[in-house]
Protein backbone atom coordinates (compact mmCIF):
# COMPACT_ATOMS: atom_id res chain seq x y z
CA MET A 1 -24.63 156.53 38.74
CA GLU A 2 -21.73 157.99 41.15
CA PHE A 3 -23.67 160.96 41.67
CA ILE A 4 -26.95 159.66 42.66
CA ALA A 5 -24.97 157.95 45.54
CA TRP A 6 -23.26 161.08 46.39
CA LEU A 7 -27.06 162.79 46.70
CA ILE A 8 -28.19 160.14 48.68
CA ILE A 9 -25.10 160.30 51.32
CA ALA A 10 -25.40 163.95 51.06
CA ALA A 11 -29.39 163.22 52.03
CA LEU A 12 -28.44 161.01 54.57
CA SER A 13 -26.01 163.45 56.44
CA VAL A 14 -27.80 167.21 56.32
CA ILE A 15 -31.31 165.84 57.65
CA PRO A 16 -30.17 164.78 60.80
CA PHE A 17 -28.16 168.32 61.17
CA LEU A 18 -31.58 170.07 60.26
CA THR A 19 -33.50 168.52 62.80
CA LEU A 20 -30.35 168.72 65.46
CA LEU A 21 -28.76 172.02 65.06
CA PRO A 22 -31.80 174.27 66.29
CA HIS A 23 -32.07 172.35 69.60
CA PHE A 24 -28.62 173.36 70.18
CA GLY A 25 -29.25 177.07 69.27
CA VAL A 26 -27.53 176.91 65.89
CA ASN A 27 -28.86 178.01 62.73
CA LYS A 28 -30.28 174.82 60.56
CA ASN A 29 -28.76 176.39 57.56
CA TRP A 30 -25.42 175.53 58.62
CA ALA A 31 -26.57 171.59 58.11
CA PHE A 32 -25.52 172.18 54.14
CA ALA A 33 -21.82 172.19 55.34
CA ALA A 34 -22.57 168.29 56.16
CA ILE A 35 -22.58 167.73 52.17
CA ILE A 36 -18.64 168.27 52.49
CA PRO A 37 -17.06 165.37 55.07
CA LEU A 38 -15.00 167.64 56.90
CA GLY A 39 -17.91 169.89 57.17
CA ALA A 40 -19.67 166.85 59.00
CA LEU A 41 -16.88 166.83 61.73
CA VAL A 42 -16.65 170.36 61.94
CA LEU A 43 -20.73 170.47 62.67
CA LEU A 44 -20.20 167.45 65.03
CA TRP A 45 -17.44 169.28 66.77
CA VAL A 46 -19.62 172.21 67.19
CA LEU A 47 -22.58 170.20 68.75
CA ALA A 48 -20.28 168.61 71.05
CA MET A 49 -18.91 171.89 72.47
CA LYS A 50 -22.51 172.91 72.93
CA LEU A 51 -23.59 170.05 74.94
CA LYS A 52 -20.20 170.68 77.20
CA GLU A 53 -21.64 174.07 77.61
CA ARG A 54 -24.96 173.06 78.60
CA GLY A 55 -23.58 170.53 81.31
């Protein structure tokens, strides 16, 4: 049961990153780093820095 919950949470965090990362010029395969909670935080930081670069 815990594994199913983990899969659902992983999918809910990876799918948005799969669509957002290419718009910011980052390879979409990096979205799978969001499976790890710290990886999601790092990806959010990268997106924030890219957004700041755009002005």
